[in-house]
């Protein structure tokens, strides 16, 4: 079974559209450091889980990709990155 992580899917989608982190940052009004944190799944960069979930939803809505509902996958309760099946 081929699994991809959420960050990998977001980054691949952005790169497929030939967009830079700066481009996505401007479109979504999310600071570039948080775009990078989402793509690398470094959720420790966010002040709270609510920010990470909100930014993930915002990013995905501007760059539609198939990402499961973020609330189904707690980001801060486990050290394991999110996986998509």
N, C-alpha and C. Protein backbone atom coordinates (compact mmCIF):
# COMPACT_ATOMS: atom_id res chain seq x y z
N UNK A 1 0.85 -1.18 0.00
CA UNK A 1 0.00 0.00 0.00
C UNK A 1 0.90 1.24 0.00
N UNK A 2 0.59 2.17 -0.88
CA UNK A 2 1.36 3.39 -0.99
C UNK A 2 0.74 4.46 -0.08
N UNK A 3 1.53 4.96 0.85
CA UNK A 3 1.03 6.01 1.73
C UNK A 3 1.85 7.27 1.52
N UNK A 4 1.17 8.38 1.59
CA UNK A 4 1.85 9.68 1.50
C UNK A 4 1.46 10.48 2.74
N UNK A 5 2.39 11.26 3.17
CA UNK A 5 2.14 12.13 4.32
C UNK A 5 1.50 13.42 3.83
N UNK A 6 0.75 14.04 4.71
CA UNK A 6 0.05 15.28 4.37
C UNK A 6 1.02 16.33 3.86
N UNK A 7 2.12 16.52 4.57
CA UNK A 7 3.10 17.52 4.16
C UNK A 7 3.66 17.25 2.77
N UNK A 8 3.91 15.99 2.50
CA UNK A 8 4.43 15.60 1.18
C UNK A 8 3.41 15.92 0.09
N UNK A 9 2.15 15.64 0.34
CA UNK A 9 1.09 15.92 -0.64
C UNK A 9 0.98 17.42 -0.89
N UNK A 10 1.01 18.21 0.18
CA UNK A 10 0.92 19.67 0.02
C UNK A 10 2.10 20.20 -0.77
N UNK A 11 3.30 19.74 -0.43
CA UNK A 11 4.49 20.23 -1.13
C UNK A 11 4.48 19.82 -2.60
N UNK A 12 4.14 18.57 -2.88
CA UNK A 12 4.08 18.10 -4.27
C UNK A 12 3.04 18.89 -5.07
N UNK A 13 1.91 19.17 -4.46
CA UNK A 13 0.86 19.94 -5.13
C UNK A 13 1.36 21.34 -5.47
N UNK A 14 2.03 21.97 -4.50
CA UNK A 14 2.57 23.32 -4.72
C UNK A 14 3.61 23.30 -5.83
N UNK A 15 4.51 22.34 -5.77
CA UNK A 15 5.58 22.25 -6.77
C UNK A 15 5.03 21.93 -8.16
N UNK A 16 4.00 21.07 -8.22
CA UNK A 16 3.37 20.76 -9.51
C UNK A 16 2.79 22.00 -10.17
N UNK A 17 2.34 22.93 -9.34
CA UNK A 17 1.76 24.18 -9.85
C UNK A 17 2.82 25.26 -10.04
N UNK A 18 4.08 24.89 -9.85
CA UNK A 18 5.22 25.80 -10.02
C UNK A 18 5.11 27.04 -9.12
N UNK A 19 4.64 26.81 -7.90
CA UNK A 19 4.52 27.90 -6.93
C UNK A 19 5.62 27.79 -5.89
N UNK A 20 6.10 28.94 -5.44
CA UNK A 20 7.08 28.97 -4.36
C UNK A 20 6.35 29.04 -3.02
N UNK A 21 7.09 28.83 -1.97
CA UNK A 21 6.53 28.98 -0.63
C UNK A 21 6.01 30.41 -0.47
N UNK A 22 6.76 31.36 -1.00
CA UNK A 22 6.36 32.77 -0.92
C UNK A 22 5.03 33.01 -1.64
N UNK A 23 4.84 32.37 -2.80
CA UNK A 23 3.57 32.51 -3.54
C UNK A 23 2.39 32.02 -2.71
N UNK A 24 2.56 30.85 -2.11
CA UNK A 24 1.48 30.27 -1.30
C UNK A 24 1.23 31.14 -0.07
N UNK A 25 2.31 31.66 0.50
CA UNK A 25 2.19 32.52 1.67
C UNK A 25 1.35 33.76 1.35
N UNK A 26 1.61 34.36 0.19
CA UNK A 26 0.85 35.55 -0.22
C UNK A 26 -0.62 35.21 -0.47
N UNK A 27 -0.87 34.08 -1.15
CA UNK A 27 -2.24 33.67 -1.47
C UNK A 27 -3.07 33.37 -0.24
N UNK A 28 -2.45 32.73 0.73
CA UNK A 28 -3.19 32.23 1.90
C UNK A 28 -3.10 33.15 3.12
N UNK A 29 -2.21 34.13 3.06
CA UNK A 29 -1.94 34.99 4.22
C UNK A 29 -1.42 34.19 5.41
N UNK A 30 -0.69 33.12 5.09
CA UNK A 30 -0.03 32.31 6.12
C UNK A 30 1.47 32.60 6.00
N UNK A 31 2.11 32.90 7.10
CA UNK A 31 3.55 33.18 7.08
C UNK A 31 4.31 32.01 6.46
N UNK A 32 5.35 32.33 5.70
CA UNK A 32 6.14 31.31 5.00
C UNK A 32 6.67 30.25 5.96
N UNK A 33 7.04 30.66 7.17
CA UNK A 33 7.57 29.67 8.12
C UNK A 33 6.53 28.61 8.48
N UNK A 34 5.25 28.99 8.45
CA UNK A 34 4.19 28.02 8.74
C UNK A 34 3.88 27.15 7.53
N UNK A 35 4.04 27.69 6.33
CA UNK A 35 3.89 26.88 5.11
C UNK A 35 4.95 25.78 5.14
N UNK A 36 6.17 26.17 5.43
CA UNK A 36 7.27 25.20 5.51
C UNK A 36 7.00 24.19 6.62
N UNK A 37 6.51 24.66 7.76
CA UNK A 37 6.21 23.76 8.88
C UNK A 37 5.12 22.74 8.50
N UNK A 38 4.10 23.17 7.75
CA UNK A 38 3.08 22.24 7.30
C UNK A 38 3.66 21.21 6.34
N UNK A 39 4.47 21.66 5.41
CA UNK A 39 5.04 20.76 4.41
C UNK A 39 6.06 19.79 5.01
N UNK A 40 6.71 20.18 6.08
CA UNK A 40 7.68 19.30 6.73
C UNK A 40 7.08 18.60 7.95
N UNK A 41 5.82 18.90 8.21
CA UNK A 41 5.08 18.33 9.34
C UNK A 41 5.77 18.60 10.67
N UNK A 42 6.29 19.80 10.79
CA UNK A 42 6.92 20.24 12.03
C UNK A 42 5.91 21.05 12.83
N UNK A 43 4.98 20.35 13.45
CA UNK A 43 3.87 21.00 14.13
C UNK A 43 4.29 21.71 15.41
N UNK A 44 5.53 21.48 15.84
CA UNK A 44 6.02 22.18 17.03
C UNK A 44 6.19 23.68 16.77
N UNK A 45 6.20 24.09 15.51
CA UNK A 45 6.36 25.50 15.14
C UNK A 45 5.10 26.32 15.41
N UNK A 46 3.97 25.65 15.61
CA UNK A 46 2.70 26.34 15.81
C UNK A 46 2.44 26.57 17.29
N UNK A 47 1.86 27.72 17.62
CA UNK A 47 1.61 28.02 19.02
C UNK A 47 0.57 27.09 19.66
N UNK A 48 -0.31 26.52 18.85
CA UNK A 48 -1.34 25.60 19.36
C UNK A 48 -1.87 24.76 18.21
N UNK A 49 -2.48 23.64 18.53
CA UNK A 49 -3.02 22.75 17.52
C UNK A 49 -4.05 23.47 16.64
N UNK A 50 -4.81 24.37 17.25
CA UNK A 50 -5.83 25.12 16.50
C UNK A 50 -5.22 25.87 15.32
N UNK A 51 -4.07 26.47 15.53
CA UNK A 51 -3.40 27.19 14.44
C UNK A 51 -2.99 26.23 13.33
N UNK A 52 -2.39 25.11 13.70
CA UNK A 52 -1.95 24.13 12.70
C UNK A 52 -3.14 23.63 11.88
N UNK A 53 -4.23 23.31 12.55
CA UNK A 53 -5.42 22.81 11.84
C UNK A 53 -6.02 23.89 10.94
N UNK A 54 -6.10 25.10 11.43
CA UNK A 54 -6.65 26.21 10.64
C UNK A 54 -5.79 26.51 9.42
N UNK A 55 -4.47 26.54 9.62
CA UNK A 55 -3.57 26.81 8.49
C UNK A 55 -3.62 25.67 7.48
N UNK A 56 -3.71 24.44 7.96
CA UNK A 56 -3.81 23.29 7.06
C UNK A 56 -5.09 23.37 6.22
N UNK A 57 -6.17 23.71 6.86
CA UNK A 57 -7.45 23.85 6.14
C UNK A 57 -7.36 24.98 5.11
N UNK A 58 -6.79 26.11 5.51
CA UNK A 58 -6.63 27.25 4.61
C UNK A 58 -5.75 26.89 3.41
N UNK A 59 -4.61 26.27 3.68
CA UNK A 59 -3.68 25.87 2.62
C UNK A 59 -4.39 24.94 1.65
N UNK A 60 -5.03 23.91 2.17
CA UNK A 60 -5.70 22.91 1.32
C UNK A 60 -6.85 23.51 0.53
N UNK A 61 -7.53 24.51 1.07
CA UNK A 61 -8.64 25.12 0.34
C UNK A 61 -8.15 25.98 -0.83
N UNK A 62 -6.95 26.54 -0.71
CA UNK A 62 -6.37 27.33 -1.81
C UNK A 62 -5.70 26.44 -2.85
N UNK A 63 -5.30 25.26 -2.44
CA UNK A 63 -4.62 24.32 -3.33
C UNK A 63 -5.27 22.96 -3.13
N UNK A 64 -6.46 22.78 -3.71
CA UNK A 64 -7.23 21.56 -3.45
C UNK A 64 -6.45 20.28 -3.71
N UNK A 65 -6.35 19.49 -2.68
CA UNK A 65 -5.75 18.17 -2.72
C UNK A 65 -6.60 17.27 -1.83
N UNK A 66 -6.51 15.99 -2.03
CA UNK A 66 -7.28 15.09 -1.18
C UNK A 66 -6.54 14.89 0.14
N UNK A 67 -7.03 15.56 1.16
CA UNK A 67 -6.46 15.45 2.50
C UNK A 67 -7.61 15.11 3.44
N UNK A 68 -7.47 14.07 4.26
CA UNK A 68 -8.55 13.73 5.19
C UNK A 68 -8.86 14.88 6.13
N UNK A 69 -10.05 14.87 6.68
CA UNK A 69 -10.45 15.91 7.63
C UNK A 69 -9.41 16.00 8.74
N UNK A 70 -8.80 17.18 8.93
CA UNK A 70 -7.73 17.31 9.92
C UNK A 70 -8.13 16.91 11.33
N UNK A 71 -9.38 17.12 11.71
CA UNK A 71 -9.79 16.81 13.07
C UNK A 71 -9.78 15.31 13.35
N UNK A 72 -9.71 14.50 12.31
CA UNK A 72 -9.65 13.05 12.51
C UNK A 72 -8.24 12.61 12.92
N UNK A 73 -7.27 13.49 12.79
CA UNK A 73 -5.89 13.15 13.05
C UNK A 73 -5.26 14.16 14.00
N UNK A 74 -5.24 13.86 15.30
CA UNK A 74 -4.63 14.81 16.24
C UNK A 74 -3.15 15.01 15.90
N UNK A 75 -2.73 16.26 15.88
CA UNK A 75 -1.36 16.59 15.49
C UNK A 75 -0.39 16.58 16.66
N UNK A 76 -0.87 16.89 17.83
CA UNK A 76 0.03 17.10 18.95
C UNK A 76 0.04 15.97 19.96
N UNK A 77 -0.85 14.99 19.82
CA UNK A 77 -0.93 13.91 20.79
C UNK A 77 0.06 12.78 20.47
N UNK A 78 0.64 12.80 19.30
CA UNK A 78 1.53 11.73 18.89
C UNK A 78 2.73 12.33 18.18
N UNK A 79 3.84 11.66 18.31
CA UNK A 79 5.03 12.13 17.59
C UNK A 79 5.04 11.62 16.17
N UNK A 80 4.07 10.78 15.81
CA UNK A 80 4.00 10.23 14.47
C UNK A 80 3.42 11.24 13.51
N UNK A 81 4.02 11.41 12.32
CA UNK A 81 3.45 12.31 11.32
C UNK A 81 2.15 11.76 10.75
N UNK A 82 1.36 12.64 10.18
CA UNK A 82 0.12 12.22 9.56
C UNK A 82 0.42 11.40 8.30
N UNK A 83 -0.32 10.32 8.11
CA UNK A 83 -0.15 9.50 6.92
C UNK A 83 -1.46 9.41 6.17
N UNK A 84 -1.37 9.40 4.88
CA UNK A 84 -2.54 9.19 4.04
C UNK A 84 -2.42 7.82 3.42
N UNK A 85 -3.51 7.10 3.41
CA UNK A 85 -3.49 5.75 2.83
C UNK A 85 -4.00 5.78 1.43
